[in-house]
C-alpha atoms as a PDB file:
ATOM      1  CA  MET A   1       9.802  14.002   2.251  1.00  0.00           C
ATOM      2  CA  SER A   2       7.007  13.588  -0.279  1.00  0.00           C
ATOM      3  CA  HIS A   3       3.589  12.352   0.717  1.00  0.00           C
ATOM      4  CA  ALA A   4       1.536  10.028  -1.429  1.00  0.00           C
ATOM      5  CA  THR A   5      -2.170  10.720  -1.479  1.00  0.00           C
ATOM      6  CA  ARG A   6      -4.580   7.919  -2.179  1.00  0.00           C
ATOM      7  CA  ARG A   7      -7.871   8.511  -3.974  1.00  0.00           C
ATOM      8  CA  THR A   8      -9.647   7.226  -0.878  1.00  0.00           C
ATOM      9  CA  ASP A   9      -8.038   9.820   1.421  1.00  0.00           C
ATOM     10  CA  THR A  10     -10.686  12.180   2.724  1.00  0.00           C
ATOM     11  CA  SER A  11      -8.457  14.511   4.691  1.00  0.00           C
ATOM     12  CA  LEU A  12      -5.331  16.418   3.920  1.00  0.00           C
ATOM     13  CA  GLN A  13      -3.712  15.216   7.137  1.00  0.00           C
ATOM     14  CA  HIS A  14      -0.199  13.965   6.521  1.00  0.00           C
ATOM     15  CA  PHE A  15       1.847  11.836   8.859  1.00  0.00           C
ATOM     16  CA  GLU A  16       5.567  11.936   9.085  1.00  0.00           C
ATOM     17  CA  GLN A  17       6.762   8.443   9.899  1.00  0.00           C
ATOM     18  CA  ASN A  18       7.893   9.590  13.351  1.00  0.00           C
ATOM     19  CA  ASP A  19       4.399  10.919  14.087  1.00  0.00           C
ATOM     20  CA  ARG A  20       2.878   7.492  13.488  1.00  0.00           C
ATOM     21  CA  PHE A  21       4.655   5.769  16.374  1.00  0.00           C
ATOM     22  CA  TYR A  22       3.911   6.167  20.038  1.00  0.00           C
ATOM     23  CA  LEU A  23       4.785   4.448  23.292  1.00  0.00           C
ATOM     24  CA  GLU A  24       2.026   3.599  25.756  1.00  0.00           C
ATOM     25  CA  SER A  25       2.519   1.568  28.961  1.00  0.00           C
ATOM     26  CA  GLY A  26       5.903   0.375  27.710  1.00  0.00           C
ATOM     27  CA  LEU A  27       4.557  -0.938  24.381  1.00  0.00           C
ATOM     28  CA  TRP A  28       4.827   0.529  20.884  1.00  0.00           C
ATOM     29  CA  TYR A  29       1.960   1.270  18.503  1.00  0.00           C
ATOM     30  CA  PHE A  30       1.567   2.962  15.150  1.00  0.00           C
ATOM     31  CA  ARG A  31      -1.364   4.964  13.824  1.00  0.00           C
ATOM     32  CA  THR A  32      -2.712   4.654  10.278  1.00  0.00           C
ATOM     33  CA  ARG A  33      -4.005   7.492   8.101  1.00  0.00           C
ATOM     34  CA  GLU A  34      -7.478   6.299   8.993  1.00  0.00           C
ATOM     35  CA  ASP A  35      -6.605   6.931  12.659  1.00  0.00           C
ATOM     36  CA  GLN A  36      -6.540   3.216  13.469  1.00  0.00           C
ATOM     37  CA  CYS A  37      -4.112   2.175  16.226  1.00  0.00           C
ATOM     38  CA  ILE A  38      -2.086  -0.957  15.481  1.00  0.00           C
ATOM     39  CA  GLY A  39      -0.136  -2.783  18.158  1.00  0.00           C
ATOM     40  CA  PRO A  40       1.136  -3.487  20.702  1.00  0.00           C
ATOM     41  CA  PHE A  41       4.737  -4.271  19.845  1.00  0.00           C
ATOM     42  CA  ARG A  42       7.551  -4.800  22.316  1.00  0.00           C
ATOM     43  CA  TYR A  43      10.038  -2.736  20.324  1.00  0.00           C
ATOM     44  CA  ARG A  44       9.790   0.306  18.073  1.00  0.00           C
ATOM     45  CA  SER A  45      11.665  -1.624  15.380  1.00  0.00           C
ATOM     46  CA  GLU A  46       8.857  -4.208  15.374  1.00  0.00           C
ATOM     47  CA  ALA A  47       6.275  -1.454  14.952  1.00  0.00           C
ATOM     48  CA  GLU A  48       8.304   0.032  12.076  1.00  0.00           C
ATOM     49  CA  THR A  49       8.540  -3.353  10.345  1.00  0.00           C
ATOM     50  CA  MET A  50       4.827  -3.981  10.757  1.00  0.00           C
ATOM     51  CA  LEU A  51       3.999  -0.520   9.391  1.00  0.00           C
ATOM     52  CA  ALA A  52       6.014  -1.363   6.262  1.00  0.00           C
ATOM     53  CA  HIS A  53       4.066  -4.644   5.894  1.00  0.00           C
ATOM     54  CA  PHE A  54       0.799  -2.775   6.473  1.00  0.00           C
ATOM     55  CA  LYS A  55       1.603  -0.235   3.748  1.00  0.00           C
ATOM     56  CA  THR A  56       2.482  -3.011   1.297  1.00  0.00           C
ATOM     57  CA  ARG A  57      -0.783  -4.813   2.016  1.00  0.00           C
ATOM     58  CA  VAL A  58      -2.808  -1.611   1.556  1.00  0.00           C
ATOM     59  CA  LEU A  59      -1.154  -0.936  -1.812  1.00  0.00           C
ATOM     60  CA  GLU A  60      -1.692  -4.530  -2.978  1.00  0.00           C
ATOM     61  CA  ASN A  61      -5.366  -4.368  -2.006  1.00  0.00           C
ATOM     62  CA  GLU A  62      -5.792  -1.068  -3.857  1.00  0.00           C
ATOM     63  CA  GLN A  63      -4.216  -2.569  -6.984  1.00  0.00           C
ATOM     64  CA  ARG A  64      -6.549  -5.582  -6.781  1.00  0.00           C
ATOM     65  CA  ARG A  65      -9.583  -3.293  -6.466  1.00  0.00           C
ATOM     66  CA  GLN A  66      -8.468  -1.286  -9.496  1.00  0.00           C
ATOM     67  CA  MET A  67      -8.003  -4.450 -11.543  1.00  0.00           C
ATOM     68  CA  ALA A  68     -11.412  -5.796 -10.476  1.00  0.00           C
ATOM     69  CA  ALA A  69     -13.056  -2.487 -11.396  1.00  0.00           C
ATOM     70  CA  GLY A  70     -11.393  -2.489 -14.814  1.00  0.00           C
ATOM     71  CA  GLY A  71      -9.265   0.510 -13.903  1.00  0.00           C
ATOM     72  CA  GLY A  72      -6.105  -1.307 -14.838  1.00  0.00           C
ATOM     73  CA  LYS A  73      -5.758  -3.776 -17.631  1.00  0.00           C
ATOM     74  CA  LEU A  74      -3.047  -6.322 -18.040  1.00  0.00           C
ATOM     75  CA  HIS A  75      -1.122  -5.845 -21.234  1.00  0.00           C
ATOM     76  CA  PHE A  76       0.758  -8.617 -22.956  1.00  0.00           C
ATOM     77  CA  ARG A  77       3.277  -8.096 -25.693  1.00  0.00           C
ATOM     78  CA  VAL A  78       2.689 -10.089 -28.846  1.00  0.00           C
ATOM     79  CA  PRO A  79       5.956 -11.140 -30.461  1.00  0.00           C
ATOM     80  CA  ALA A  80       6.576  -9.749 -33.942  1.00  0.00           C
ATOM     81  CA  GLY A  81       5.638 -12.257 -36.591  1.00  0.00           C
ATOM     82  CA  ILE A  82       2.499 -13.506 -34.898  1.00  0.00           C
ATOM     83  CA  GLY A  83      -0.614 -12.327 -36.664  1.00  0.00           C
ATOM     84  CA  ALA A  84      -4.100 -11.754 -35.324  1.00  0.00           C
ATOM     85  CA  SER A  85      -4.925 -15.447 -35.796  1.00  0.00           C
ATOM     86  CA  GLY A  86      -2.032 -16.409 -33.531  1.00  0.00           C
ATOM     87  CA  GLN A  87      -0.198 -18.112 -36.394  1.00  0.00           C
ATOM     88  CA  MET A  88       3.408 -17.372 -37.188  1.00  0.00           C
ATOM     89  CA  SER A  89       3.696 -15.395 -40.412  1.00  0.00           C
END
């Protein structure tokens, strides 16, 4: 399994997905890379689903920050035949 490393990661600690989940007092939790505990969930499958949502949200937020900082620029294709003035040639 490959591990993605974010620029904001300060440690080389890697989590296998199984290491992120734990059962405490009959309820499921997952742990983030930042060592934050998220839960409780009644079922492990709920914790797994919420971890997937969490990861998606983290990636979306990182992309927004990059765009706001100018790190990523939107690129639009200009159809052939349209000159710099925007007029069809």
